[in-house]
Protein backbone atom coordinates (compact mmCIF):
# COMPACT_ATOMS: atom_id res chain seq x y z
CA MET A 1 60.23 157.63 -37.94
CA THR A 2 60.88 153.97 -38.75
CA LEU A 3 64.39 152.65 -39.35
CA PHE A 4 65.18 149.24 -40.71
CA ARG A 5 68.43 147.42 -41.03
CA LYS A 6 69.88 146.67 -44.46
CA CYS A 7 73.42 145.45 -45.13
CA GLY A 8 74.55 146.38 -41.61
CA ILE A 9 73.30 150.02 -41.70
CA TRP A 10 70.17 151.81 -40.45
CA GLN A 11 67.80 153.24 -43.00
CA ARG A 12 65.10 155.78 -42.29
CA ALA A 13 61.49 155.69 -43.31
CA GLY A 14 57.98 156.15 -41.96
CA ALA A 15 56.49 158.59 -39.52
CA ARG A 16 57.47 160.00 -36.15
CA GLY A 17 55.72 157.13 -34.38
CA ASP A 18 58.41 154.81 -35.83
CA ALA A 19 61.10 157.18 -34.63
CA ASN A 20 59.83 156.56 -31.14
CA THR A 21 60.19 152.84 -31.75
CA TYR A 22 63.77 153.40 -32.93
CA ARG A 23 64.68 155.39 -29.86
CA MET A 24 63.21 152.73 -27.56
CA ALA A 25 65.10 149.99 -29.35
CA SER A 26 68.33 151.99 -29.30
CA ARG A 27 68.11 152.43 -25.53
CA GLU A 28 67.64 148.68 -25.04
CA GLY A 29 70.44 147.88 -27.44
CA THR A 30 68.21 145.75 -29.65
CA SER A 31 67.20 145.62 -33.27
CA ALA A 32 63.89 147.19 -34.24
CA PRO A 33 61.78 145.01 -36.53
CA PRO A 34 60.78 146.64 -39.78
CA SER A 35 57.20 147.79 -40.10
CA ASP A 36 54.93 147.68 -43.12
CA SER A 37 55.55 151.34 -43.78
CA ALA A 38 59.30 150.69 -43.65
CA ASN A 39 59.03 148.02 -46.37
CA SER A 40 57.04 150.35 -48.58
CA ASP A 41 59.51 153.14 -48.04
CA ARG A 42 62.41 150.84 -48.82
CA GLY A 43 60.97 149.95 -52.18
CA GLU A 44 60.53 153.58 -53.17
CA ARG A 45 64.01 154.55 -52.02
CA SER A 46 65.59 151.63 -53.88
CA ALA A 47 64.06 152.84 -57.10
CA ALA A 48 65.20 156.40 -56.49
CA ASN A 49 68.75 155.39 -55.45
CA PRO A 50 69.77 152.14 -57.15
CA ASP A 51 73.37 152.51 -56.04
CA GLY A 52 72.30 152.25 -52.43
CA ASP A 53 74.39 155.29 -51.41
CA PRO A 54 74.35 155.25 -47.62
CA ALA A 55 75.84 158.69 -47.10
CA GLU A 56 72.60 160.38 -46.15
CA HIS A 57 71.66 157.59 -43.75
CA ASP A 58 75.09 157.49 -42.14
CA GLY A 59 74.76 161.17 -41.40
CA VAL A 60 71.53 160.59 -39.59
CA SER A 61 72.71 157.62 -37.57
CA GLN A 62 76.15 158.95 -36.56
CA SER A 63 75.51 162.61 -35.80
CA ALA A 64 73.24 164.27 -33.30
CA PRO A 65 69.95 165.44 -34.79
CA GLY A 66 69.81 169.18 -35.48
CA PRO A 67 67.34 171.51 -37.12
CA GLU A 68 68.10 170.31 -40.62
CA PRO A 69 67.58 166.58 -39.96
CA GLU A 70 64.31 167.39 -38.20
CA GLU A 71 63.19 169.32 -41.27
CA GLU A 72 64.28 166.50 -43.54
CA GLU A 73 62.48 164.04 -41.35
CA ASP A 74 59.25 165.93 -41.94
CA THR A 75 59.75 166.01 -45.70
CA ASP A 76 60.47 162.29 -45.81
CA THR A 77 57.30 161.38 -43.92
CA MET A 78 54.99 159.19 -45.99
CA GLU A 79 51.21 159.47 -45.83
CA GLY A 80 50.72 155.77 -45.34
CA SER A 81 53.27 155.63 -42.52
CA GLU A 82 51.59 158.58 -40.72
CA GLU A 83 48.52 156.46 -40.27
CA GLU A 84 50.64 153.54 -39.06
CA GLY A 85 52.59 155.78 -36.66
CA ALA A 86 49.43 157.22 -35.18
CA ARG A 87 48.10 153.74 -34.62
CA GLU A 88 51.32 152.68 -32.86
CA ASP A 89 51.27 155.83 -30.71
CA GLY A 90 47.75 154.96 -29.63
CA GLU A 91 48.83 151.45 -28.76
CA GLY A 92 51.71 152.84 -26.69
CA ARG A 93 49.41 155.11 -24.71
CA SER A 94 46.94 152.28 -24.13
CA GLU A 95 49.77 150.03 -22.95
CA ARG A 96 50.97 152.64 -20.45
CA ARG A 97 47.44 153.02 -19.03
CA MET A 98 47.08 149.27 -18.62
CA MET A 99 50.43 149.04 -16.82
CA GLY A 100 48.95 151.20 -14.07
CA LYS A 101 46.22 148.67 -13.25
CA LYS A 102 46.49 146.12 -10.42
CA GLY A 103 46.08 142.39 -10.18
CA GLY A 104 45.26 140.37 -13.29
CA ARG A 105 45.29 143.34 -15.71
CA ALA A 106 48.85 144.23 -14.66
CA LYS A 107 49.93 140.63 -15.24
CA GLU A 108 48.30 140.56 -18.70
CA THR A 109 49.98 143.82 -19.68
CA ARG A 110 53.45 142.58 -18.72
CA LYS A 111 52.87 139.43 -20.72
CA ARG A 112 51.81 141.42 -23.80
CA ARG A 113 54.82 143.71 -23.45
CA ARG A 114 57.19 140.76 -23.32
CA GLU A 115 55.61 139.35 -26.51
CA ARG A 116 56.12 142.66 -28.34
CA GLU A 117 59.76 142.99 -27.30
CA PRO A 118 62.45 141.86 -29.77
CA SER A 119 64.11 138.58 -29.03
CA GLY A 120 67.31 140.34 -28.11
CA GLY A 121 65.49 142.38 -25.44
CA ARG A 122 63.92 139.30 -23.92
CA ALA A 123 67.29 137.62 -23.76
CA SER A 124 68.78 140.57 -21.89
CA HIS A 125 66.35 140.23 -18.95
CA SER A 126 67.89 138.33 -16.06
CA SER A 127 66.17 135.56 -14.16
CA SER A 128 66.28 137.67 -11.00
CA SER A 129 64.08 140.37 -12.54
CA SER A 130 61.53 137.71 -13.53
CA GLU A 131 61.47 136.44 -9.97
CA GLU A 132 60.99 139.98 -8.68
CA GLU A 133 58.06 140.46 -11.05
CA ASP A 134 56.49 137.20 -9.85
CA GLU A 135 56.93 138.25 -6.23
CA THR A 136 55.40 141.64 -6.99
CA GLU A 137 52.42 139.97 -8.64
CA GLU A 138 51.92 137.66 -5.65
CA GLU A 139 52.19 140.59 -3.23
CA GLU A 140 49.63 142.57 -5.22
CA GLN A 141 47.29 139.61 -5.24
CA ARG A 142 47.65 139.12 -1.47
CA THR A 143 47.03 142.82 -0.87
CA GLU A 144 43.89 142.69 -2.98
CA GLU A 145 42.63 139.63 -1.10
CA ASP A 146 43.35 141.21 2.30
CA GLU A 147 41.63 144.42 1.27
CA GLN A 148 38.58 142.53 0.11
CA ALA A 149 38.46 140.48 3.33
CA VAL A 150 38.58 143.63 5.50
CA GLU A 151 35.86 145.27 3.40
CA GLU A 152 33.64 142.21 3.82
CA TRP A 153 34.30 142.17 7.58
CA LEU A 154 33.34 145.84 7.94
CA ALA A 155 30.15 145.36 5.93
CA ALA A 156 29.02 142.26 7.83
CA GLU A 157 26.39 142.41 10.61
CA VAL A 158 25.40 146.03 10.00
CA ARG A 159 22.10 147.47 8.88
CA GLU A 160 21.11 150.53 6.90
CA LEU A 161 20.61 153.74 8.85
CA GLY A 162 16.92 154.50 9.32
CA VAL A 163 15.12 157.78 8.75
CA PRO A 164 15.84 160.23 11.62
CA SER A 165 12.98 160.15 14.11
CA TRP A 166 13.62 163.68 15.40
CA GLN A 167 13.52 166.91 13.41
CA ALA A 168 14.60 170.18 14.98
CA VAL A 169 12.13 172.70 13.51
CA PRO A 170 8.87 170.75 14.10
CA SER A 171 10.06 169.84 17.61
CA LEU A 172 10.85 173.48 18.45
CA ARG A 173 7.44 174.60 17.19
CA ALA A 174 5.68 171.94 19.27
CA ARG A 175 7.67 173.01 22.31
CA GLU A 176 6.66 176.66 21.85
CA ILE A 177 2.98 175.81 22.07
CA GLY A 178 3.41 173.46 25.02
CA ARG A 179 3.35 170.13 23.21
CA GLY A 180 7.07 169.34 23.37
CA THR A 181 7.13 167.62 26.73
CA GLN A 182 9.69 165.10 25.45
CA PHE A 183 11.86 167.66 23.68
CA VAL A 184 15.05 167.19 25.73
CA ARG A 185 14.84 163.41 25.73
CA LEU A 186 14.24 163.22 21.98
CA ALA A 187 16.89 165.83 21.18
CA CYS A 188 19.60 164.14 23.24
CA GLY A 189 18.91 160.85 21.46
CA ALA A 190 18.83 162.38 17.97
CA ARG A 191 21.35 161.18 15.42
CA GLY A 192 21.64 164.66 13.94
CA LEU A 193 23.02 166.08 17.20
CA VAL A 194 25.41 163.17 17.72
CA GLN A 195 26.83 163.81 14.26
CA ARG A 196 27.52 167.42 15.26
CA LEU A 197 29.51 166.69 18.41
CA GLU A 198 32.76 168.64 18.63
CA LEU A 199 35.33 169.54 21.27
CA GLN A 200 34.21 172.33 23.61
CA ALA A 201 36.83 172.52 26.35
CA ARG A 202 39.79 170.87 28.06
CA LEU A 203 39.77 170.75 31.86
CA GLU A 204 43.37 170.77 33.08
CA GLN A 205 44.34 170.10 36.69
CA HIS A 206 45.73 166.58 36.96
CA ALA A 207 49.39 165.61 36.72
CA GLY A 208 48.76 162.09 35.43
CA CYS A 209 46.50 160.04 33.19
CA VAL A 210 42.80 160.53 33.98
CA ASN A 211 41.27 157.09 34.64
CA THR A 212 37.73 157.88 35.77
CA LEU A 213 34.91 160.37 35.16
CA HIS A 214 31.49 160.61 36.81
CA PHE A 215 28.71 163.22 36.77
CA ASN A 216 26.67 163.74 39.90
CA PRO A 217 22.94 162.84 39.57
CA SER A 218 21.95 166.47 38.90
CA GLY A 219 24.67 166.87 36.27
CA THR A 220 26.16 170.02 37.83
CA ARG A 221 29.50 168.55 38.91
CA LEU A 222 32.00 166.17 37.41
CA ALA A 223 34.44 164.01 39.41
CA SER A 224 37.74 162.82 37.92
CA GLY A 225 40.48 160.59 39.33
CA SER A 226 44.03 160.16 38.12
CA ASP A 227 47.38 158.42 38.39
CA ASP A 228 48.50 161.40 40.48
CA LEU A 229 46.36 159.91 43.33
CA HIS A 230 44.11 162.96 43.41
CA VAL A 231 40.40 163.41 42.82
CA VAL A 232 39.14 166.68 41.34
CA LEU A 233 35.56 167.95 41.42
CA TRP A 234 34.74 170.23 38.50
CA ASP A 235 32.17 172.90 37.80
CA TRP A 236 32.31 171.74 34.23
CA ALA A 237 29.95 174.41 32.85
CA ARG A 238 32.30 177.17 34.10
CA ARG A 239 35.33 175.02 33.26
CA ARG A 240 37.01 175.34 36.63
CA ALA A 241 38.06 172.99 39.46
CA GLU A 242 36.08 173.40 42.67
CA LEU A 243 37.97 170.90 44.80
CA ASP A 244 41.23 168.98 44.46
CA PHE A 245 42.04 166.52 47.25
CA ASP A 246 44.32 163.57 47.99
CA SER A 247 42.35 160.36 47.66
CA GLY A 248 44.32 158.48 50.33
CA HIS A 249 45.19 155.72 47.85
CA LYS A 250 48.73 154.44 47.37
CA SER A 251 48.43 153.77 43.63
CA ASN A 252 46.48 154.76 40.50
CA VAL A 253 42.91 155.86 41.20
CA PHE A 254 40.67 153.80 38.90
CA GLN A 255 37.20 155.05 39.83
CA ALA A 256 35.49 157.80 41.84
CA LYS A 257 31.68 158.07 42.00
CA PHE A 258 29.11 160.23 43.73
CA LEU A 259 26.71 158.15 45.80
CA PRO A 260 23.10 158.93 44.78
CA HIS A 261 20.81 160.93 47.09
CA SER A 262 23.73 161.92 49.30
CA GLY A 263 23.71 165.59 48.42
CA ASP A 264 27.08 165.14 46.70
CA SER A 265 28.62 164.72 50.16
CA THR A 266 29.87 161.13 49.74
CA LEU A 267 32.29 159.92 47.11
CA ALA A 268 33.29 156.25 46.72
CA MET A 269 36.70 155.42 45.25
CA CYS A 270 38.77 152.38 44.24
CA ALA A 271 42.33 152.01 43.00
CA ARG A 272 45.13 149.77 41.90
CA ASP A 273 46.17 149.28 45.53
CA GLY A 274 42.95 147.28 46.07
CA GLN A 275 41.50 149.71 48.59
CA ILE A 276 37.88 150.85 48.55
CA ARG A 277 37.71 154.27 50.15
CA VAL A 278 34.94 156.76 50.89
CA ALA A 279 35.49 160.53 50.96
CA GLU A 280 33.31 162.76 53.11
CA LEU A 281 32.77 166.17 51.51
CA SER A 282 31.49 169.30 53.23
CA ALA A 283 29.00 171.82 51.91
CA THR A 284 31.81 174.38 51.80
CA GLN A 285 33.61 172.44 49.08
CA ARG A 286 36.15 170.77 51.32
CA CYS A 287 37.11 167.15 51.86
CA LYS A 288 36.82 166.25 55.55
CA ASN A 289 38.53 162.86 55.32
CA THR A 290 38.72 159.58 53.44
CA LYS A 291 38.20 156.17 55.03
CA ARG A 292 39.05 152.69 53.88
CA VAL A 293 35.97 150.46 53.87
CA ALA A 294 37.30 147.34 52.12
CA GLN A 295 40.52 145.83 50.82
CA HIS A 296 40.92 143.58 47.80
CA LYS A 297 44.03 141.43 47.37
CA GLY A 298 44.44 142.73 43.85
CA ALA A 299 43.65 145.88 41.92
CA ALA A 300 40.06 147.12 42.21
CA HIS A 301 38.93 148.57 38.87
CA ARG A 302 35.19 149.25 39.22
CA LEU A 303 32.41 150.18 41.61
CA ALA A 304 28.71 149.56 41.02
CA LEU A 305 26.18 151.95 42.57
CA GLU A 306 22.64 151.04 43.53
CA PRO A 307 20.51 153.74 41.84
CA ASP A 308 18.38 154.61 44.89
CA SER A 309 20.78 153.98 47.76
CA PRO A 310 23.02 156.68 49.32
CA CYS A 311 24.93 154.18 51.44
CA SER A 312 25.20 150.88 49.50
CA PHE A 313 27.38 149.88 46.55
CA LEU A 314 29.43 146.95 45.19
CA SER A 315 33.11 146.56 44.32
CA ALA A 316 35.01 144.05 42.18
CA GLY A 317 38.72 143.25 42.09
CA GLU A 318 41.33 141.20 40.31
CA ASP A 319 41.21 138.80 43.27
CA ALA A 320 37.83 137.60 41.84
CA VAL A 321 35.96 138.86 44.92
CA VAL A 322 32.77 140.94 44.87
CA PHE A 323 32.13 142.96 48.02
CA GLY A 324 28.79 144.39 49.05
CA ILE A 325 29.40 147.58 51.03
CA ASP A 326 26.86 149.18 53.36
CA LEU A 327 28.13 152.32 55.09
CA ARG A 328 25.53 151.99 57.86
CA LEU A 329 27.27 148.91 59.29
CA ASP A 330 30.20 148.86 61.69
CA ARG A 331 32.04 146.61 59.26
CA PRO A 332 30.71 147.76 55.91
CA ALA A 333 32.24 145.13 53.60
CA THR A 334 30.60 141.76 53.06
CA LYS A 335 31.95 139.19 50.64
CA LEU A 336 29.13 138.30 48.24
CA VAL A 337 30.84 135.89 45.86
CA VAL A 338 34.17 134.66 44.56
CA VAL A 339 33.80 134.44 40.79
CA LYS A 340 35.02 131.13 39.38
CA GLU A 341 34.97 129.11 36.20
CA GLY A 342 35.09 125.57 37.44
CA GLU A 343 37.79 125.68 40.11
CA ARG A 344 39.67 128.58 38.56
CA LYS A 345 39.21 132.08 39.94
CA VAL A 346 38.33 134.76 37.41
CA GLY A 347 39.84 138.19 38.09
CA LEU A 348 37.33 141.00 37.57
CA TYR A 349 37.64 144.27 35.66
CA SER A 350 34.02 145.42 35.66
CA ILE A 351 30.77 145.29 37.63
CA PHE A 352 27.38 146.93 37.10
CA VAL A 353 24.02 146.83 38.92
CA ASN A 354 20.83 146.35 36.91
CA PRO A 355 18.99 149.69 37.23
CA ALA A 356 15.60 148.01 36.85
CA ASN A 357 16.30 145.22 39.34
CA THR A 358 18.95 146.22 41.86
CA HIS A 359 19.24 142.67 43.22
CA HIS A 360 20.90 141.65 39.94
CA PHE A 361 24.44 142.60 39.02
CA ALA A 362 26.72 141.63 36.14
CA VAL A 363 30.49 141.12 36.20
CA GLY A 364 33.18 140.66 33.58
CA GLY A 365 36.91 140.03 33.69
CA ARG A 366 39.64 137.63 32.73
CA ASP A 367 37.58 135.30 30.60
CA GLN A 368 34.95 135.55 27.88
CA TYR A 369 31.76 135.29 29.97
CA VAL A 370 29.33 137.94 31.14
CA ARG A 371 28.00 136.58 34.43
CA ILE A 372 24.77 137.69 36.12
CA TYR A 373 24.16 137.11 39.82
CA ASP A 374 21.18 137.62 42.11
CA GLN A 375 22.28 138.90 45.53
CA ARG A 376 19.34 137.18 47.23
CA LYS A 377 20.28 133.66 46.16
CA ILE A 378 23.99 133.22 45.61
CA ASN A 379 24.93 129.61 46.27
CA GLU A 380 28.51 128.92 45.25
CA ASN A 381 27.83 125.16 45.38
CA ASP A 382 25.21 125.55 42.62
CA ASN A 383 26.82 126.63 39.35
CA ASN A 384 29.25 128.78 41.38
CA GLY A 385 26.33 131.02 42.27
CA VAL A 386 25.79 132.24 38.67
CA LEU A 387 22.23 133.02 37.65
CA LYS A 388 23.14 132.98 33.93
CA LYS A 389 26.02 133.90 31.68
CA PHE A 390 26.41 135.12 28.11
CA CYS A 391 29.19 134.87 25.54
CA PRO A 392 29.54 135.34 21.77
CA SER A 393 29.34 131.87 20.27
CA HIS A 394 32.65 132.17 18.42
CA LEU A 395 34.49 133.04 21.66
CA VAL A 396 33.24 130.12 23.75
CA SER A 397 36.22 127.91 22.83
CA THR A 398 38.95 130.57 23.16
CA GLU A 399 40.16 129.01 26.45
CA GLY A 400 40.46 132.24 28.41
CA LYS A 401 42.28 134.33 25.79
CA ALA A 402 39.37 136.76 25.57
CA ASN A 403 38.86 139.29 28.37
CA ILE A 404 36.02 141.68 29.18
CA THR A 405 37.44 145.10 30.07
CA CYS A 406 34.09 146.80 30.72
CA LEU A 407 30.36 146.08 30.78
CA VAL A 408 27.28 148.25 31.43
CA TYR A 409 23.50 147.85 31.59
CA SER A 410 21.23 149.97 29.39
CA HIS A 411 18.97 152.65 30.91
CA ASN A 412 16.17 150.16 31.65
CA GLY A 413 18.29 147.07 32.33
CA SER A 414 17.05 145.22 29.25
CA GLU A 415 20.47 145.01 27.56
CA ILE A 416 24.11 144.50 28.54
CA LEU A 417 27.00 145.97 26.58
CA ALA A 418 30.42 144.29 26.90
CA SER A 419 33.76 145.39 25.43
CA TYR A 420 36.27 142.59 24.80
CA ASN A 421 40.03 142.96 24.81
CA ASP A 422 41.35 143.07 21.22
CA GLU A 423 37.93 142.00 20.01
CA ASP A 424 34.67 143.82 19.30
CA ILE A 425 31.88 145.23 21.46
CA TYR A 426 28.85 142.96 21.90
CA LEU A 427 25.27 143.66 22.95
CA PHE A 428 23.31 141.01 24.88
CA ASP A 429 19.63 140.83 25.78
CA SER A 430 19.55 140.44 29.57
CA SER A 431 16.21 138.60 29.40
CA HIS A 432 17.63 135.80 27.24
CA SER A 433 18.31 132.38 28.68
CA ASP A 434 21.63 131.10 29.93
CA ALA A 435 24.44 130.73 27.35
CA ALA A 436 22.73 133.04 24.84
CA SER A 437 24.87 134.77 22.21
CA TYR A 438 24.92 138.44 21.27
CA THR A 439 22.28 140.44 19.41
CA ARG A 440 24.49 143.24 18.00
CA ARG A 441 28.17 143.65 17.24
CA PHE A 442 30.03 146.97 17.08
CA LYS A 443 33.42 147.01 15.41
CA GLY A 444 36.19 149.19 14.01
CA HIS A 445 37.91 150.36 17.21
CA ARG A 446 40.92 148.80 18.98
CA ASN A 447 40.90 147.70 22.63
CA ASN A 448 44.32 146.32 23.49
CA ALA A 449 46.70 148.59 25.40
CA THR A 450 44.56 149.46 28.45
CA VAL A 451 41.49 148.38 30.41
CA LYS A 452 39.15 150.34 28.21
CA GLY A 453 35.62 151.51 29.00
CA VAL A 454 32.41 151.42 26.99
CA ASN A 455 29.06 153.12 27.55
CA PHE A 456 25.63 153.86 26.20
CA TYR A 457 24.85 157.37 25.00
CA GLY A 458 21.40 158.94 24.91
CA PRO A 459 18.49 158.92 27.38
CA ARG A 460 17.15 155.71 25.84
CA SER A 461 20.56 154.13 25.20
CA GLU A 462 20.24 154.93 21.49
CA PHE A 463 24.00 154.90 20.82
CA VAL A 464 27.13 153.04 21.88
CA VAL A 465 30.33 155.00 22.61
CA SER A 466 33.87 153.70 23.05
CA GLY A 467 37.43 154.88 23.00
CA SER A 468 40.24 153.23 21.07
CA ASP A 469 43.98 152.68 21.08
CA CYS A 470 44.15 154.79 17.92
CA GLY A 471 43.17 157.84 19.99
CA HIS A 472 39.69 158.23 18.45
CA ILE A 473 36.19 158.18 19.91
CA TYR A 474 33.60 156.02 18.12
CA LEU A 475 29.83 156.36 18.36
CA TRP A 476 27.68 153.65 16.79
CA GLU A 477 23.93 153.79 16.31
CA LYS A 478 22.66 150.84 18.35
CA LYS A 479 19.97 149.67 15.91
CA SER A 480 22.12 149.64 12.78
CA ALA A 481 25.56 149.04 14.38
CA ARG A 482 26.97 151.70 12.03
CA VAL A 483 29.46 154.37 13.07
CA VAL A 484 27.73 157.77 13.06
CA GLN A 485 30.45 159.84 14.76
CA PHE A 486 34.24 159.61 14.74
CA MET A 487 36.38 162.10 16.66
CA GLU A 488 40.05 162.45 17.56
CA GLY A 489 39.94 162.28 21.34
CA ASP A 490 43.45 161.93 22.77
CA ARG A 491 46.89 163.12 21.75
CA GLY A 492 48.45 160.40 23.91
CA GLY A 493 46.92 157.79 21.64
CA VAL A 494 44.38 156.03 23.90
CA VAL A 495 40.87 157.02 25.04
CA ASN A 496 39.71 155.05 28.09
CA CYS A 497 36.78 156.80 29.82
CA LEU A 498 33.51 158.04 28.34
CA GLU A 499 30.86 159.62 30.57
CA PRO A 500 27.58 160.95 29.13
CA HIS A 501 25.78 163.75 30.94
CA PRO A 502 22.63 162.47 32.72
CA TYR A 503 20.21 164.64 30.70
CA LEU A 504 22.10 166.98 28.31
CA PRO A 505 23.76 166.15 24.95
CA VAL A 506 27.22 166.48 26.52
CA LEU A 507 30.00 163.87 26.64
CA ALA A 508 33.10 163.89 28.88
CA THR A 509 36.13 161.79 27.87
CA SER A 510 39.66 161.11 29.11
CA GLY A 511 42.63 158.88 28.41
CA LEU A 512 46.41 158.99 28.55
CA ASP A 513 46.35 162.78 28.30
CA HIS A 514 46.31 164.62 31.62
CA ASP A 515 43.14 166.55 30.87
CA VAL A 516 39.38 165.99 30.62
CA LYS A 517 37.68 166.80 27.32
CA LEU A 518 34.09 168.01 26.94
CA TRP A 519 32.08 167.49 23.75
CA ALA A 520 28.79 169.10 22.68
CA PRO A 521 26.74 169.24 19.42
CA THR A 522 27.75 172.71 18.23
CA ALA A 523 29.21 171.92 14.80
CA GLN A 524 27.60 173.72 11.85
CA THR A 525 27.44 170.60 9.68
CA PRO A 526 27.26 166.86 10.43
CA THR A 527 30.46 164.88 10.45
CA SER A 528 31.78 163.56 7.14
CA LEU A 529 33.54 160.62 8.86
CA LYS A 530 36.69 161.54 6.96
CA GLY A 531 39.40 158.90 7.30
CA LEU A 532 37.14 156.52 9.23
CA LYS A 533 37.45 153.53 6.92
CA GLU A 534 41.24 153.76 6.72
CA VAL A 535 41.59 153.89 10.52
CA MET A 536 39.17 150.97 10.98
CA LYS A 537 41.10 148.88 8.46
CA LYS A 538 44.38 149.70 10.19
CA ASN A 539 42.96 148.71 13.57
CA LYS A 540 41.71 145.43 12.14
CA ARG A 541 45.06 144.54 10.53
CA GLU A 542 47.03 145.37 13.69
CA ARG A 543 44.64 143.31 15.76
CA ASP A 544 45.00 140.30 13.48
CA GLU A 545 48.79 140.60 13.44
CA ASP A 546 49.00 140.81 17.22
CA SER A 547 46.68 137.84 17.69
CA VAL A 548 49.03 135.75 15.57
CA ARG A 549 52.25 136.94 17.23
CA HIS A 550 51.22 137.05 20.87
CA ASN A 551 49.07 134.51 22.62
CA ASP A 552 49.19 136.45 25.89
CA HIS A 553 49.61 139.92 24.45
CA TYR A 554 47.03 141.42 26.79
CA ASP A 555 49.06 140.66 29.93
CA THR A 556 52.17 142.19 28.36
CA GLN A 557 50.37 145.35 27.31
CA LEU A 558 48.66 145.82 30.66
CA LEU A 559 51.91 145.29 32.57
CA TRP A 560 53.71 147.74 30.29
CA PHE A 561 50.99 150.32 30.77
CA LEU A 562 50.97 150.08 34.58
CA MET A 563 54.75 150.09 34.92
CA ARG A 564 55.12 153.03 32.55
CA HIS A 565 52.76 155.23 34.51
CA MET A 566 54.07 154.12 37.88
CA ARG A 567 57.53 155.18 36.71
CA HIS A 568 56.38 158.62 35.62
CA ARG A 569 54.01 159.19 38.49
CA ARG A 570 54.43 162.39 40.40
CA PRO A 571 55.87 161.86 43.91
CA GLN A 572 53.12 161.56 46.45
CA ARG A 573 52.42 164.66 48.47
CA SER A 574 53.04 164.33 52.17
CA ARG A 575 49.55 165.16 53.34
CA ARG A 576 48.53 161.92 54.93
CA VAL A 577 48.11 161.69 58.66
CA GLU A 578 47.51 158.21 59.99
CA GLY A 579 44.48 157.91 62.23
CA ASP A 580 43.59 155.53 64.97
CA PRO A 581 43.46 151.95 63.62
CA ASP A 582 40.24 151.46 65.55
CA GLU A 583 38.53 153.90 63.18
CA SER A 584 39.06 151.57 60.25
CA TRP A 585 35.95 150.45 58.40
CA SER A 586 37.76 147.58 56.70
CA SER A 587 36.31 144.10 56.76
CA ALA A 588 38.31 141.59 58.76
CA GLU A 589 37.93 139.20 55.85
CA SER A 590 39.33 141.56 53.27
CA SER A 591 41.96 143.66 55.00
CA ASN A 592 45.61 143.23 54.26
CA ASP A 593 47.31 145.34 56.88
CA GLU A 594 50.78 145.07 55.39
CA ASP A 595 49.88 146.83 52.12
CA ALA A 596 46.68 148.61 52.92
CA GLY A 597 48.15 151.89 54.10
CA PRO A 598 46.34 154.30 56.40
CA ASP A 599 42.66 153.61 57.04
CA HIS A 600 41.64 157.14 57.96
CA VAL A 601 43.18 160.11 56.12
CA GLN A 602 42.52 163.74 56.95
CA CYS A 603 42.50 165.64 53.67
CA MET A 604 42.33 169.24 52.54
CA SER A 605 41.69 170.86 49.20
CA SER A 606 44.77 171.96 47.31
C-alpha cells in the first residue's frame, strides 16, 4: 500500500507492495517518495473528497492496524497499483538475492541500494559504517584472491588419473586357470585396492610415541620402537606382542630394523642418544643382550640396510657423520664420510642404500640437497666426496632454510623420494646428472612439527605415502601426482612412520599416539576423499603463514617436540646391568664415554 505526503499528513493509496515500502521507510525514519500509482490514486481521491477531509487517513496513521483497516486496505487497492506493487516486490526479492553474492556483485548491489534510498536515509548513515563496508569489500576480495591462488596451486603439476591397469574379476579368472602368475604383485599395486584401505587394528603395548616400524623380510613380524625406550616385536596377523625388551638406549628410540638373512635374530637400533646398538634375539623369542657398536655425537635418526647382507649396515647422525658398520669386525664402526656443504657440516636425518647398487647411498638432512655417495671412491678433497646431488630448482637459493626429513629409493633404485620440512615431497631420477631438479611433486600434506617419514607403496613403487601434521595419511598415485587415498591416522595430530608390508596390501603406521595402526583394503566402496580439499587448503595456508612469521620455525618445533616427550617419558626401568667395558664394540673414533651409557646390556622380555 503506497502512502504519500500531502500538507504534512500521510495519505494511502496503491497496493500492498507500496505498504511494504511505507513500513521500510517508517523504520528508517525517512520520507517515502510517491509512486506513479500514488499520483493516480491522489487524483481520484481529490475528486471524490474535495474538502480534503483527513479523518480517515489520520485513523490509519495513528492507530494500530486491525481487521477493519486490513479489509479497507483491500477494498482501496487499485488495479493499476497491483501491477506496480508486484513489480516492486519482484525487485525487492531480486535485490535480496544479489546481496548474498560475493565480490563485485555484492559491491554493485550495495551501490544500487544506496541510489534507491531516500536522501534522508543516506544522510543518516555514518562515515564509520561506510568505512566498515569498504573494509568488508576489501576483505572479501582478498579472500577470493587467496582462494583462487590455492586452487591454482593444487591444480598445478598434476596429471589426469589413467585407466586402472588391474581388474579384479579377469585377474581372478586367469589365476584359477594358472595364468595369474603376477596376481599378487598386480593386486598390491592396484589403485582400486589402495582406495579401499581402512583401519583394521590397533596394536597397543608402548607407553610413548611410536617412532619406528619395520617388517621382517618374510613379513611375519613387525618391530616397533618408542619414546619409552622399548622395542616390541609383533605377530601382527594375530595382533599380539611376542617380545617386549629394553633397547639399552638412554633416550628416544628412532629406528629398529631386522637385518636381512639373519633369521630375525639380529636387530639394529639407533636413538636420540646417538648410540647404534644391536640386539641379539633367541629362537625362543627372548632378547639375549644389546651391544653398542657405534656412537654419534648427536642424535642418530636413521639406519640403512644393505639388502643382501646380514652383518653390514650404515648409520647417519646429526653430527654429519656416516658410519659403515660391519659386525664381523672387532671394531665394527668405520667413518665413511663427514657430510659438508663447503666448510659447513650438514647434520643428517636420513640415509638409504640403493637396492640395485649397494655401493651407492643417499643422505639428506639440514639443507636442501639430496647427496649420493659411492662407498668405493669417497674423496673428501674432491667435491667433499659427493658423487652427485639433487635439489628442486626453486629451493637452491633458500640458504639452508629447507631441510630433508626423510628420503628413500624406489624398489629398483631408479628414483629417489625426498620429503622436505614445511615444503612438498619431490621425486628425483637417480640416473640424472648432477644438480638435476625433480620429476614429480606431491603436495597437500604438512611436514613441520616432527622429523616425518615418507615411503613408496606397492611392489613396483606405484604410490607415494606420507603422514602429516594434520593427523591424516596421504597416498598419491606416482604417475599423476594426485591424491587417491586420504585417511585419518592419528588422534594425537601427527603421523610420522609408514611401513608397507613386503608383499601384501597392508600398511602399518604410527605417530604421536602410543599405538601401531594396521590398514588393509577391506572397504566395500572406494574412498570419496571427503574433506580432502579443505584440509589441503588449510595446510597450505598454515604453511605460508608460518614461513612468513618464523625464519627458523623448524628448529623451534623440533626442540618443542623433543622436550615435550622427554618431559612425559615414562621413568626408565631398572633392568640394565653394565657389562665389562672390554666387550664394547664401539669405534674408538666415535665413542663418547661420558654420555654413551652401558655398552653391553643384558635384557629380558617383559
